[in-house]
């Protein structure tokens, strides 16, 4: 993350994303696969880093050896060809995108940190319930703890989507885009940038 100044000289927090070059490695067809989708590959690596089935799949598409492959559902991919390069120039300043990534893993965490519980009372004679979860269910009825009860456990390391981030910079030469706000995951993590599903009106 970094920050920029907009035309009104206000500080805007942004995240820089390397948005390419990505290669079209496969096209899924409705007749053969039952749905329309495009598989994209990112980050070139040496041939010896891939197994033979994956290397053969990429050679068939006529693209370099790529580390990451991801599939995106589309309504129409007639304008795309196998081996085509997709770079940051598909974005424009003012676009809204959804960014999908894996959140930072934080290890085992209690309910206060993990679920924002308030904890127990700090006074009235209690001594060890500051950050405890309290009751997790009734007794005879239902006589068990319901599935999905919010409790202590492993936190983070999950697929997270942040919606409606505005694209504020597009650097076509370096394949960089800057989106307003934060995105999931640590530095140098892999993310998917998609067109926003729930459109948001531009702020005036």
N, C-alpha and C. Protein backbone atom coordinates (compact mmCIF):
# COMPACT_ATOMS: atom_id res chain seq x y z
N UNK A 1 0.83 -1.19 0.00
CA UNK A 1 0.00 0.00 0.00
C UNK A 1 0.86 1.25 0.00
N UNK A 2 0.28 2.30 -0.54
CA UNK A 2 0.94 3.60 -0.52
C UNK A 2 -0.16 4.65 -0.53
N UNK A 3 0.19 5.88 -0.85
CA UNK A 3 -0.82 6.92 -0.90
C UNK A 3 -0.52 7.88 -2.04
N UNK A 4 -1.57 8.49 -2.56
CA UNK A 4 -1.42 9.48 -3.61
C UNK A 4 -2.28 10.69 -3.22
N UNK A 5 -2.11 11.77 -3.98
CA UNK A 5 -2.95 12.96 -3.80
C UNK A 5 -3.86 13.10 -5.01
N UNK A 6 -5.16 13.28 -4.77
CA UNK A 6 -6.09 13.43 -5.89
C UNK A 6 -6.11 14.88 -6.37
N UNK A 7 -7.02 15.17 -7.30
CA UNK A 7 -7.07 16.51 -7.89
C UNK A 7 -7.48 17.58 -6.89
N UNK A 8 -8.08 17.16 -5.76
CA UNK A 8 -8.46 18.11 -4.72
C UNK A 8 -7.43 18.17 -3.60
N UNK A 9 -6.25 17.59 -3.86
CA UNK A 9 -5.13 17.57 -2.91
C UNK A 9 -5.49 16.83 -1.62
N UNK A 10 -6.35 15.83 -1.75
CA UNK A 10 -6.67 14.97 -0.61
C UNK A 10 -5.84 13.69 -0.69
N UNK A 11 -5.41 13.19 0.46
CA UNK A 11 -4.63 11.95 0.50
C UNK A 11 -5.55 10.76 0.26
N UNK A 12 -5.18 9.90 -0.69
CA UNK A 12 -5.97 8.72 -1.02
C UNK A 12 -5.12 7.47 -0.78
N UNK A 13 -5.52 6.56 0.13
CA UNK A 13 -4.76 5.32 0.32
C UNK A 13 -5.03 4.36 -0.84
N UNK A 14 -3.97 3.83 -1.43
CA UNK A 14 -4.12 2.94 -2.58
C UNK A 14 -3.24 1.70 -2.40
N UNK A 15 -3.61 0.65 -3.12
CA UNK A 15 -2.81 -0.57 -3.18
C UNK A 15 -2.38 -0.79 -4.61
N UNK A 16 -1.10 -1.04 -4.82
CA UNK A 16 -0.58 -1.30 -6.16
C UNK A 16 -0.68 -2.79 -6.47
N UNK A 17 -1.20 -3.11 -7.66
CA UNK A 17 -1.37 -4.50 -8.09
C UNK A 17 -0.71 -4.67 -9.45
N UNK A 18 0.13 -5.71 -9.56
CA UNK A 18 0.69 -6.06 -10.86
C UNK A 18 -0.35 -6.87 -11.62
N UNK A 19 -0.93 -6.28 -12.66
CA UNK A 19 -2.09 -6.87 -13.34
C UNK A 19 -1.73 -7.45 -14.70
N UNK A 20 -0.62 -8.15 -14.78
CA UNK A 20 -0.26 -8.77 -16.05
C UNK A 20 1.24 -8.80 -16.23
N UNK A 21 1.69 -9.36 -17.35
CA UNK A 21 0.86 -9.92 -18.43
C UNK A 21 0.27 -11.28 -18.07
N UNK A 22 -1.01 -11.46 -18.42
CA UNK A 22 -1.67 -12.76 -18.28
C UNK A 22 -1.90 -13.34 -19.67
N UNK A 23 -1.87 -14.67 -19.76
CA UNK A 23 -2.03 -15.35 -21.04
C UNK A 23 -3.30 -16.19 -21.02
N UNK A 24 -4.01 -16.19 -22.15
CA UNK A 24 -5.18 -17.06 -22.29
C UNK A 24 -4.68 -18.47 -22.56
N UNK A 25 -4.87 -19.37 -21.60
CA UNK A 25 -4.34 -20.73 -21.72
C UNK A 25 -5.42 -21.76 -22.09
N UNK A 26 -6.69 -21.41 -21.93
CA UNK A 26 -7.76 -22.34 -22.29
C UNK A 26 -9.08 -21.59 -22.38
N UNK A 27 -9.95 -22.05 -23.29
CA UNK A 27 -11.30 -21.51 -23.41
C UNK A 27 -12.29 -22.65 -23.20
N UNK A 28 -13.16 -22.50 -22.21
CA UNK A 28 -14.18 -23.52 -21.96
C UNK A 28 -15.42 -23.17 -22.80
N UNK A 29 -15.97 -24.17 -23.46
CA UNK A 29 -17.11 -23.97 -24.33
C UNK A 29 -18.37 -24.62 -23.75
N UNK A 30 -19.53 -24.04 -24.04
CA UNK A 30 -20.78 -24.56 -23.51
C UNK A 30 -21.07 -25.94 -24.07
N UNK A 31 -20.72 -26.18 -25.33
CA UNK A 31 -21.03 -27.45 -25.97
C UNK A 31 -20.22 -28.61 -25.35
N UNK A 32 -18.95 -28.36 -25.03
CA UNK A 32 -18.08 -29.42 -24.53
C UNK A 32 -17.95 -29.45 -23.02
N UNK A 33 -17.99 -28.28 -22.37
CA UNK A 33 -17.77 -28.20 -20.93
C UNK A 33 -19.02 -27.84 -20.13
N UNK A 34 -20.06 -27.39 -20.83
CA UNK A 34 -21.29 -27.06 -20.14
C UNK A 34 -21.39 -25.62 -19.67
N UNK A 35 -20.33 -24.85 -19.84
CA UNK A 35 -20.35 -23.45 -19.42
C UNK A 35 -19.25 -22.71 -20.16
N UNK A 36 -19.34 -21.38 -20.14
CA UNK A 36 -18.33 -20.54 -20.78
C UNK A 36 -17.36 -20.01 -19.74
N UNK A 37 -16.07 -20.15 -20.01
CA UNK A 37 -15.06 -19.65 -19.08
C UNK A 37 -13.74 -19.48 -19.83
N UNK A 38 -12.88 -18.70 -19.22
CA UNK A 38 -11.53 -18.48 -19.77
C UNK A 38 -10.52 -18.80 -18.67
N UNK A 39 -9.51 -19.57 -19.01
CA UNK A 39 -8.43 -19.85 -18.06
C UNK A 39 -7.25 -18.94 -18.38
N UNK A 40 -6.78 -18.23 -17.36
CA UNK A 40 -5.65 -17.31 -17.53
C UNK A 40 -4.46 -17.80 -16.74
N UNK A 41 -3.26 -17.57 -17.27
CA UNK A 41 -2.02 -17.92 -16.59
C UNK A 41 -1.19 -16.68 -16.32
N UNK A 42 -0.44 -16.74 -15.20
CA UNK A 42 0.35 -15.57 -14.78
C UNK A 42 1.67 -16.04 -14.20
N UNK A 43 2.71 -15.25 -14.39
CA UNK A 43 4.06 -15.40 -13.83
C UNK A 43 4.85 -16.54 -14.51
N UNK A 44 5.74 -16.14 -15.40
CA UNK A 44 6.56 -17.11 -16.12
C UNK A 44 7.59 -17.76 -15.20
N UNK A 45 7.81 -19.07 -15.40
CA UNK A 45 8.80 -19.82 -14.63
C UNK A 45 9.56 -20.75 -15.57
N UNK A 46 10.72 -21.30 -15.15
CA UNK A 46 11.47 -22.23 -16.00
C UNK A 46 10.68 -23.51 -16.27
N UNK A 47 10.97 -24.17 -17.40
CA UNK A 47 10.26 -25.39 -17.79
C UNK A 47 10.36 -26.47 -16.73
N UNK A 48 11.52 -26.59 -16.08
CA UNK A 48 11.73 -27.69 -15.13
C UNK A 48 10.87 -27.56 -13.87
N UNK A 49 10.25 -26.41 -13.69
CA UNK A 49 9.43 -26.21 -12.48
C UNK A 49 8.01 -26.79 -12.64
N UNK A 50 7.65 -27.26 -13.84
CA UNK A 50 6.30 -27.79 -14.07
C UNK A 50 6.36 -29.28 -14.39
N UNK A 51 5.28 -29.99 -14.01
CA UNK A 51 5.20 -31.39 -14.39
C UNK A 51 4.77 -31.50 -15.86
N UNK A 52 4.90 -32.70 -16.43
CA UNK A 52 4.67 -32.87 -17.86
C UNK A 52 3.23 -32.60 -18.30
N UNK A 53 2.21 -33.05 -17.55
CA UNK A 53 0.84 -32.75 -18.00
C UNK A 53 0.56 -31.25 -18.09
N UNK A 54 1.01 -30.49 -17.09
CA UNK A 54 0.77 -29.05 -17.10
C UNK A 54 1.60 -28.37 -18.18
N UNK A 55 2.84 -28.82 -18.35
CA UNK A 55 3.68 -28.24 -19.40
C UNK A 55 3.07 -28.50 -20.78
N UNK A 56 2.54 -29.71 -20.99
CA UNK A 56 1.90 -30.01 -22.27
C UNK A 56 0.65 -29.18 -22.50
N UNK A 57 -0.10 -28.94 -21.44
CA UNK A 57 -1.30 -28.10 -21.53
C UNK A 57 -0.94 -26.69 -21.98
N UNK A 58 0.16 -26.14 -21.44
CA UNK A 58 0.56 -24.78 -21.79
C UNK A 58 1.17 -24.71 -23.19
N UNK A 59 1.92 -25.76 -23.57
CA UNK A 59 2.50 -25.78 -24.93
C UNK A 59 1.40 -25.84 -25.99
N UNK A 60 0.34 -26.57 -25.68
CA UNK A 60 -0.78 -26.66 -26.61
C UNK A 60 -1.41 -25.30 -26.85
N UNK A 61 -1.41 -24.46 -25.81
CA UNK A 61 -1.97 -23.11 -25.94
C UNK A 61 -0.98 -22.14 -26.56
N UNK A 62 0.30 -22.57 -26.69
CA UNK A 62 1.31 -21.69 -27.29
C UNK A 62 1.73 -20.55 -26.41
N UNK A 63 1.80 -20.81 -25.09
CA UNK A 63 2.19 -19.77 -24.13
C UNK A 63 3.42 -20.24 -23.37
N UNK A 64 4.13 -19.32 -22.68
CA UNK A 64 5.27 -19.72 -21.85
C UNK A 64 4.82 -20.59 -20.67
N UNK A 65 5.80 -21.17 -19.98
CA UNK A 65 5.49 -21.92 -18.76
C UNK A 65 5.06 -20.93 -17.67
N UNK A 66 3.91 -21.18 -17.06
CA UNK A 66 3.32 -20.23 -16.12
C UNK A 66 3.07 -20.89 -14.77
N UNK A 67 3.26 -20.12 -13.72
CA UNK A 67 3.15 -20.65 -12.36
C UNK A 67 1.71 -20.75 -11.88
N UNK A 68 0.88 -19.75 -12.20
CA UNK A 68 -0.47 -19.69 -11.67
C UNK A 68 -1.49 -19.77 -12.80
N UNK A 69 -2.50 -20.64 -12.63
CA UNK A 69 -3.61 -20.74 -13.57
C UNK A 69 -4.91 -20.52 -12.81
N UNK A 70 -5.77 -19.67 -13.34
CA UNK A 70 -7.06 -19.41 -12.72
C UNK A 70 -8.13 -19.32 -13.80
N UNK A 71 -9.34 -19.77 -13.45
CA UNK A 71 -10.45 -19.78 -14.40
C UNK A 71 -11.47 -18.71 -14.05
N UNK A 72 -11.97 -18.02 -15.06
CA UNK A 72 -12.95 -16.95 -14.87
C UNK A 72 -14.17 -17.22 -15.75
N UNK A 73 -15.34 -17.24 -15.14
CA UNK A 73 -16.57 -17.38 -15.91
C UNK A 73 -16.81 -16.11 -16.72
N UNK A 74 -17.25 -16.26 -17.95
CA UNK A 74 -17.54 -15.12 -18.81
C UNK A 74 -18.85 -15.37 -19.55
N UNK A 75 -19.45 -14.28 -20.03
CA UNK A 75 -20.67 -14.41 -20.83
C UNK A 75 -20.35 -14.63 -22.30
N UNK A 76 -19.18 -14.13 -22.73
CA UNK A 76 -18.78 -14.28 -24.13
C UNK A 76 -17.27 -14.16 -24.22
N UNK A 77 -16.63 -15.11 -24.88
CA UNK A 77 -15.17 -15.03 -25.06
C UNK A 77 -14.76 -15.13 -26.53
N UNK A 78 -15.69 -14.73 -27.40
CA UNK A 78 -15.40 -14.81 -28.84
C UNK A 78 -14.29 -13.86 -29.25
N UNK A 79 -14.05 -12.80 -28.45
CA UNK A 79 -13.01 -11.84 -28.80
C UNK A 79 -11.64 -12.24 -28.27
N UNK A 80 -11.53 -13.40 -27.62
CA UNK A 80 -10.26 -13.86 -27.08
C UNK A 80 -9.77 -15.08 -27.85
N UNK A 81 -8.45 -15.17 -27.98
CA UNK A 81 -7.83 -16.29 -28.66
C UNK A 81 -6.82 -16.97 -27.75
N UNK A 82 -6.59 -18.27 -27.97
CA UNK A 82 -5.58 -18.98 -27.19
C UNK A 82 -4.22 -18.32 -27.37
N UNK A 83 -3.51 -18.11 -26.28
CA UNK A 83 -2.19 -17.48 -26.35
C UNK A 83 -2.22 -15.98 -26.30
N UNK A 84 -3.40 -15.38 -26.34
CA UNK A 84 -3.51 -13.92 -26.31
C UNK A 84 -3.01 -13.37 -24.98
N UNK A 85 -2.33 -12.24 -25.04
CA UNK A 85 -1.80 -11.60 -23.84
C UNK A 85 -2.80 -10.55 -23.35
N UNK A 86 -3.13 -10.62 -22.07
CA UNK A 86 -4.02 -9.65 -21.44
C UNK A 86 -3.21 -8.87 -20.42
N UNK A 87 -3.20 -7.56 -20.56
CA UNK A 87 -2.38 -6.72 -19.68
C UNK A 87 -3.25 -5.70 -18.95
N UNK A 88 -2.62 -4.80 -18.25
CA UNK A 88 -3.34 -3.85 -17.40
C UNK A 88 -4.18 -2.86 -18.20
N UNK A 89 -3.99 -2.79 -19.52
CA UNK A 89 -4.73 -1.80 -20.30
C UNK A 89 -6.21 -2.15 -20.45
N UNK A 90 -6.65 -3.32 -19.94
CA UNK A 90 -8.09 -3.62 -19.97
C UNK A 90 -8.84 -2.82 -18.91
N UNK A 91 -8.09 -2.23 -17.96
CA UNK A 91 -8.71 -1.40 -16.93
C UNK A 91 -8.61 0.07 -17.31
N UNK A 92 -9.56 0.85 -16.80
CA UNK A 92 -9.55 2.29 -16.99
C UNK A 92 -9.76 2.97 -15.65
N UNK A 93 -9.19 4.16 -15.52
CA UNK A 93 -9.39 4.93 -14.29
C UNK A 93 -10.87 5.20 -14.10
N UNK A 94 -11.37 4.92 -12.90
CA UNK A 94 -12.78 5.08 -12.62
C UNK A 94 -13.56 3.78 -12.61
N UNK A 95 -12.95 2.69 -13.12
CA UNK A 95 -13.60 1.38 -13.05
C UNK A 95 -13.72 0.93 -11.60
N UNK A 96 -14.71 0.09 -11.33
CA UNK A 96 -14.85 -0.54 -10.02
C UNK A 96 -14.61 -2.04 -10.16
N UNK A 97 -13.80 -2.59 -9.28
CA UNK A 97 -13.42 -4.00 -9.38
C UNK A 97 -13.62 -4.69 -8.03
N UNK A 98 -13.73 -6.02 -8.09
CA UNK A 98 -13.70 -6.86 -6.90
C UNK A 98 -12.34 -7.56 -6.87
N UNK A 99 -11.72 -7.59 -5.70
CA UNK A 99 -10.41 -8.23 -5.55
C UNK A 99 -10.55 -9.42 -4.60
N UNK A 100 -10.12 -10.59 -5.08
CA UNK A 100 -10.23 -11.83 -4.31
C UNK A 100 -8.83 -12.30 -3.95
N UNK A 101 -8.61 -12.61 -2.68
CA UNK A 101 -7.29 -13.09 -2.25
C UNK A 101 -7.42 -13.93 -1.00
N UNK A 102 -6.28 -14.42 -0.51
CA UNK A 102 -6.24 -15.21 0.72
C UNK A 102 -5.76 -14.32 1.85
N UNK A 103 -6.58 -14.20 2.88
CA UNK A 103 -6.24 -13.30 3.99
C UNK A 103 -5.03 -13.81 4.75
N UNK A 104 -4.39 -12.93 5.49
CA UNK A 104 -3.23 -13.30 6.29
C UNK A 104 -3.63 -14.31 7.37
N UNK A 105 -2.85 -15.36 7.53
CA UNK A 105 -3.10 -16.32 8.60
C UNK A 105 -2.63 -15.76 9.93
N UNK A 106 -3.48 -15.84 10.95
CA UNK A 106 -3.14 -15.26 12.26
C UNK A 106 -3.05 -16.32 13.36
N UNK A 107 -3.13 -17.60 12.98
CA UNK A 107 -3.00 -18.66 13.98
C UNK A 107 -4.25 -18.80 14.85
N UNK A 108 -4.09 -19.53 15.97
CA UNK A 108 -5.21 -19.76 16.88
C UNK A 108 -5.53 -18.47 17.61
N UNK A 109 -6.80 -18.09 17.59
CA UNK A 109 -7.22 -16.83 18.21
C UNK A 109 -8.48 -17.05 19.03
N UNK A 110 -8.64 -16.25 20.06
CA UNK A 110 -9.82 -16.32 20.91
C UNK A 110 -11.00 -15.59 20.30
N UNK A 111 -12.14 -15.64 21.00
CA UNK A 111 -13.35 -15.08 20.42
C UNK A 111 -13.33 -13.56 20.38
N UNK A 112 -12.59 -12.91 21.27
CA UNK A 112 -12.54 -11.45 21.24
C UNK A 112 -11.84 -10.97 19.98
N UNK A 113 -10.72 -11.59 19.65
CA UNK A 113 -9.98 -11.20 18.46
C UNK A 113 -10.66 -11.73 17.18
N UNK A 114 -11.13 -12.96 17.25
CA UNK A 114 -11.65 -13.62 16.05
C UNK A 114 -13.04 -13.16 15.66
N UNK A 115 -13.91 -12.95 16.64
CA UNK A 115 -15.30 -12.61 16.36
C UNK A 115 -15.74 -11.29 17.00
N UNK A 116 -14.82 -10.58 17.62
CA UNK A 116 -15.12 -9.27 18.20
C UNK A 116 -16.11 -9.35 19.36
N UNK A 117 -16.04 -10.45 20.14
CA UNK A 117 -16.88 -10.54 21.34
C UNK A 117 -16.46 -9.46 22.34
N UNK A 118 -17.38 -9.07 23.18
CA UNK A 118 -17.09 -8.03 24.17
C UNK A 118 -16.35 -8.58 25.39
N UNK A 119 -16.44 -9.90 25.64
CA UNK A 119 -15.85 -10.46 26.85
C UNK A 119 -16.79 -10.30 28.04
N UNK A 120 -16.36 -10.82 29.18
CA UNK A 120 -17.19 -10.76 30.37
C UNK A 120 -17.04 -9.44 31.11
N UNK A 121 -17.78 -9.29 32.19
CA UNK A 121 -17.69 -8.05 32.97
C UNK A 121 -16.31 -7.91 33.61
N UNK A 122 -15.87 -6.66 33.76
CA UNK A 122 -14.53 -6.43 34.32
C UNK A 122 -14.57 -6.26 35.83
N UNK A 123 -15.79 -6.25 36.39
CA UNK A 123 -15.93 -5.99 37.83
C UNK A 123 -16.88 -7.01 38.45
N UNK A 124 -17.44 -6.69 39.60
CA UNK A 124 -18.42 -7.53 40.31
C UNK A 124 -17.85 -8.89 40.70
N UNK A 125 -16.58 -8.90 41.04
CA UNK A 125 -16.02 -10.09 41.63
C UNK A 125 -15.50 -11.13 40.67
N UNK A 126 -15.70 -10.96 39.38
CA UNK A 126 -15.18 -11.97 38.45
C UNK A 126 -13.67 -11.80 38.32
N UNK A 127 -12.97 -12.92 38.08
CA UNK A 127 -11.51 -12.86 38.07
C UNK A 127 -10.88 -13.36 36.78
N UNK A 128 -11.56 -14.20 36.02
CA UNK A 128 -10.89 -14.79 34.86
C UNK A 128 -11.79 -14.89 33.63
N UNK A 129 -12.79 -14.01 33.50
CA UNK A 129 -13.72 -14.08 32.37
C UNK A 129 -13.58 -12.89 31.43
N UNK A 130 -12.44 -12.20 31.48
CA UNK A 130 -12.26 -10.98 30.68
C UNK A 130 -12.50 -11.24 29.19
N UNK A 131 -11.92 -12.31 28.67
CA UNK A 131 -11.98 -12.58 27.23
C UNK A 131 -12.61 -13.94 26.94
N UNK A 132 -13.43 -14.43 27.85
CA UNK A 132 -14.06 -15.74 27.67
C UNK A 132 -15.32 -15.63 26.81
N UNK A 133 -15.72 -16.72 26.12
CA UNK A 133 -16.89 -16.65 25.25
C UNK A 133 -18.22 -16.63 25.97
N UNK A 134 -18.28 -17.11 27.21
CA UNK A 134 -19.57 -17.20 27.88
C UNK A 134 -20.31 -18.45 27.46
N UNK A 135 -21.62 -18.45 27.64
CA UNK A 135 -22.43 -19.63 27.31
C UNK A 135 -22.42 -19.91 25.82
N UNK A 136 -22.38 -21.21 25.45
CA UNK A 136 -22.41 -21.60 24.04
C UNK A 136 -23.69 -22.35 23.70
N UNK A 137 -24.65 -22.43 24.63
CA UNK A 137 -25.91 -23.10 24.32
C UNK A 137 -26.68 -23.44 25.58
N UNK A 138 -27.91 -23.90 25.39
CA UNK A 138 -28.76 -24.29 26.51
C UNK A 138 -28.45 -25.72 26.96
N UNK A 139 -29.15 -26.19 28.00
CA UNK A 139 -28.85 -27.49 28.57
C UNK A 139 -29.66 -28.61 27.94
N UNK A 140 -30.78 -28.97 28.58
CA UNK A 140 -31.56 -30.12 28.11
C UNK A 140 -32.05 -29.94 26.68
N UNK A 141 -32.51 -28.76 26.36
CA UNK A 141 -32.96 -28.47 24.99
C UNK A 141 -32.10 -27.36 24.41
N UNK A 142 -31.37 -27.60 23.34
CA UNK A 142 -31.36 -28.79 22.49
C UNK A 142 -30.42 -29.90 22.98
N UNK A 143 -29.69 -29.67 24.05
CA UNK A 143 -28.80 -30.71 24.55
C UNK A 143 -27.53 -30.90 23.73
N UNK A 144 -27.22 -29.92 22.92
CA UNK A 144 -25.99 -29.98 22.11
C UNK A 144 -25.62 -28.57 21.71
N UNK A 145 -24.47 -28.44 21.09
CA UNK A 145 -24.02 -27.14 20.58
C UNK A 145 -24.28 -27.12 19.08
N UNK A 146 -24.95 -26.09 18.61
CA UNK A 146 -25.27 -25.99 17.18
C UNK A 146 -24.00 -25.85 16.35
N UNK A 147 -24.04 -26.40 15.14
CA UNK A 147 -22.94 -26.22 14.20
C UNK A 147 -22.83 -24.75 13.83
N UNK A 148 -21.61 -24.29 13.62
CA UNK A 148 -21.39 -22.90 13.23
C UNK A 148 -21.30 -21.94 14.40
N UNK A 149 -21.36 -22.45 15.62
CA UNK A 149 -21.24 -21.58 16.79
C UNK A 149 -19.90 -20.86 16.75
N UNK A 150 -19.93 -19.57 16.97
CA UNK A 150 -18.69 -18.78 16.93
C UNK A 150 -17.88 -19.05 18.20
N UNK A 151 -16.69 -19.62 17.99
CA UNK A 151 -15.84 -19.98 19.11
C UNK A 151 -14.40 -19.67 18.76
N UNK A 152 -13.49 -19.94 19.70
CA UNK A 152 -12.07 -19.75 19.43
C UNK A 152 -11.62 -20.76 18.37
N UNK A 153 -10.60 -20.41 17.60
CA UNK A 153 -10.10 -21.32 16.57
C UNK A 153 -9.09 -20.62 15.67
N UNK A 154 -8.72 -21.31 14.63
CA UNK A 154 -7.73 -20.77 13.70
C UNK A 154 -8.33 -19.61 12.92
N UNK A 155 -7.59 -18.52 12.85
CA UNK A 155 -8.11 -17.28 12.25
C UNK A 155 -7.29 -16.91 11.01
N UNK A 156 -7.98 -16.44 10.00
CA UNK A 156 -7.30 -15.99 8.78
C UNK A 156 -7.00 -17.14 7.84
N UNK A 157 -6.24 -16.84 6.77
CA UNK A 157 -5.90 -17.86 5.79
C UNK A 157 -7.09 -18.32 4.98
N UNK A 158 -8.07 -17.45 4.78
CA UNK A 158 -9.28 -17.81 4.06
C UNK A 158 -9.45 -16.94 2.82
N UNK A 159 -10.24 -17.45 1.88
CA UNK A 159 -10.54 -16.71 0.66
C UNK A 159 -11.46 -15.54 1.01
N UNK A 160 -11.02 -14.34 0.67
CA UNK A 160 -11.76 -13.12 1.01
C UNK A 160 -11.95 -12.28 -0.25
N UNK A 161 -13.14 -11.71 -0.39
CA UNK A 161 -13.42 -10.81 -1.51
C UNK A 161 -13.70 -9.41 -0.97
N UNK A 162 -12.99 -8.42 -1.51
CA UNK A 162 -13.28 -7.02 -1.19
C UNK A 162 -13.92 -6.41 -2.43
N UNK A 163 -15.11 -5.88 -2.26
CA UNK A 163 -15.92 -5.43 -3.40
C UNK A 163 -15.80 -3.93 -3.64
N UNK A 164 -16.03 -3.57 -4.88
CA UNK A 164 -16.19 -2.16 -5.29
C UNK A 164 -15.00 -1.28 -4.93
N UNK A 165 -13.82 -1.70 -5.32
CA UNK A 165 -12.63 -0.86 -5.16
C UNK A 165 -12.43 -0.08 -6.46
N UNK A 166 -12.23 1.21 -6.32
CA UNK A 166 -12.10 2.07 -7.50
C UNK A 166 -10.67 2.05 -8.03
N UNK A 167 -10.54 1.90 -9.34
CA UNK A 167 -9.23 1.98 -9.98
C UNK A 167 -8.87 3.46 -10.15
N UNK A 168 -7.75 3.87 -9.55
CA UNK A 168 -7.38 5.28 -9.59
C UNK A 168 -6.14 5.54 -10.45
N UNK A 169 -5.35 4.50 -10.74
CA UNK A 169 -4.17 4.65 -11.61
C UNK A 169 -4.08 3.41 -12.50
N UNK A 170 -3.76 3.61 -13.77
CA UNK A 170 -3.46 2.51 -14.68
C UNK A 170 -2.14 2.83 -15.36
N UNK A 171 -1.10 2.03 -15.08
CA UNK A 171 0.22 2.19 -15.69
C UNK A 171 0.41 1.07 -16.71
N UNK A 172 0.09 1.34 -17.98
CA UNK A 172 0.12 0.31 -19.01
C UNK A 172 1.54 -0.18 -19.29
N UNK A 173 2.53 0.69 -19.15
CA UNK A 173 3.91 0.30 -19.46
C UNK A 173 4.45 -0.71 -18.47
N UNK A 174 4.08 -0.58 -17.20
CA UNK A 174 4.59 -1.50 -16.16
C UNK A 174 3.54 -2.50 -15.70
N UNK A 175 2.38 -2.53 -16.38
CA UNK A 175 1.29 -3.44 -16.03
C UNK A 175 0.87 -3.30 -14.57
N UNK A 176 0.77 -2.08 -14.10
CA UNK A 176 0.37 -1.82 -12.73
C UNK A 176 -0.97 -1.08 -12.70
N UNK A 177 -1.79 -1.45 -11.73
CA UNK A 177 -2.97 -0.64 -11.43
C UNK A 177 -2.95 -0.32 -9.94
N UNK A 178 -3.57 0.78 -9.59
CA UNK A 178 -3.71 1.16 -8.18
C UNK A 178 -5.19 1.26 -7.87
N UNK A 179 -5.61 0.55 -6.82
CA UNK A 179 -7.01 0.59 -6.40
C UNK A 179 -7.12 1.31 -5.07
N UNK A 180 -8.21 2.01 -4.88
CA UNK A 180 -8.42 2.79 -3.66
C UNK A 180 -8.77 1.85 -2.51
N UNK A 181 -7.94 1.85 -1.47
CA UNK A 181 -8.21 1.01 -0.30
C UNK A 181 -7.29 -0.18 -0.22
N UNK A 182 -7.62 -1.10 0.70
CA UNK A 182 -6.79 -2.27 0.98
C UNK A 182 -7.37 -3.50 0.30
N UNK A 183 -6.52 -4.49 0.07
CA UNK A 183 -6.94 -5.76 -0.52
C UNK A 183 -6.49 -6.90 0.40
N UNK A 184 -7.06 -8.10 0.27
CA UNK A 184 -6.72 -9.20 1.17
C UNK A 184 -5.30 -9.71 0.95
N UNK A 185 -4.71 -10.22 2.04
CA UNK A 185 -3.44 -10.93 1.93
C UNK A 185 -2.22 -10.08 2.22
N UNK A 186 -1.08 -10.77 2.24
CA UNK A 186 0.20 -10.13 2.52
C UNK A 186 0.80 -9.55 1.25
N UNK A 187 1.92 -8.86 1.40
CA UNK A 187 2.63 -8.33 0.23
C UNK A 187 3.03 -9.48 -0.69
N UNK A 188 3.01 -9.19 -1.98
CA UNK A 188 3.40 -10.15 -3.02
C UNK A 188 2.49 -11.37 -3.08
N UNK A 189 1.29 -11.27 -2.50
CA UNK A 189 0.32 -12.36 -2.58
C UNK A 189 -0.37 -12.36 -3.94
N UNK A 190 -0.98 -13.50 -4.25
CA UNK A 190 -1.70 -13.64 -5.51
C UNK A 190 -3.16 -13.26 -5.32
N UNK A 191 -3.68 -12.40 -6.18
CA UNK A 191 -5.08 -11.98 -6.10
C UNK A 191 -5.73 -12.09 -7.47
N UNK A 192 -7.05 -12.17 -7.46
CA UNK A 192 -7.84 -12.11 -8.69
C UNK A 192 -8.58 -10.78 -8.73
N UNK A 193 -8.47 -10.09 -9.86
CA UNK A 193 -9.14 -8.80 -10.02
C UNK A 193 -10.24 -8.98 -11.06
N UNK A 194 -11.49 -8.75 -10.64
CA UNK A 194 -12.63 -8.97 -11.52
C UNK A 194 -13.46 -7.70 -11.62
N UNK A 195 -14.28 -7.65 -12.65
CA UNK A 195 -15.25 -6.56 -12.76
C UNK A 195 -16.22 -6.63 -11.58
N UNK A 196 -16.53 -5.50 -11.00
CA UNK A 196 -17.40 -5.47 -9.82
C UNK A 196 -18.77 -6.06 -10.15
N UNK A 197 -19.22 -7.00 -9.31
CA UNK A 197 -20.53 -7.63 -9.54
C UNK A 197 -21.67 -6.72 -9.10
N UNK A 198 -21.45 -6.03 -7.99
CA UNK A 198 -22.46 -5.10 -7.50
C UNK A 198 -21.96 -3.71 -7.79
N UNK A 199 -22.44 -3.12 -8.83
CA UNK A 199 -21.92 -1.84 -9.29
C UNK A 199 -22.18 -0.75 -8.26
N UNK A 200 -21.26 0.18 -8.20
CA UNK A 200 -21.33 1.27 -7.25
C UNK A 200 -21.25 2.58 -8.00
N UNK A 201 -22.09 3.54 -7.64
CA UNK A 201 -22.06 4.83 -8.31
C UNK A 201 -20.80 5.59 -7.94
N UNK A 202 -20.26 6.29 -8.91
CA UNK A 202 -19.06 7.06 -8.68
C UNK A 202 -19.35 8.23 -7.77
N UNK A 203 -18.43 8.45 -6.83
CA UNK A 203 -18.58 9.58 -5.92
C UNK A 203 -18.32 10.88 -6.68
N UNK A 204 -19.10 11.89 -6.39
CA UNK A 204 -18.94 13.17 -7.11
C UNK A 204 -17.82 13.98 -6.47
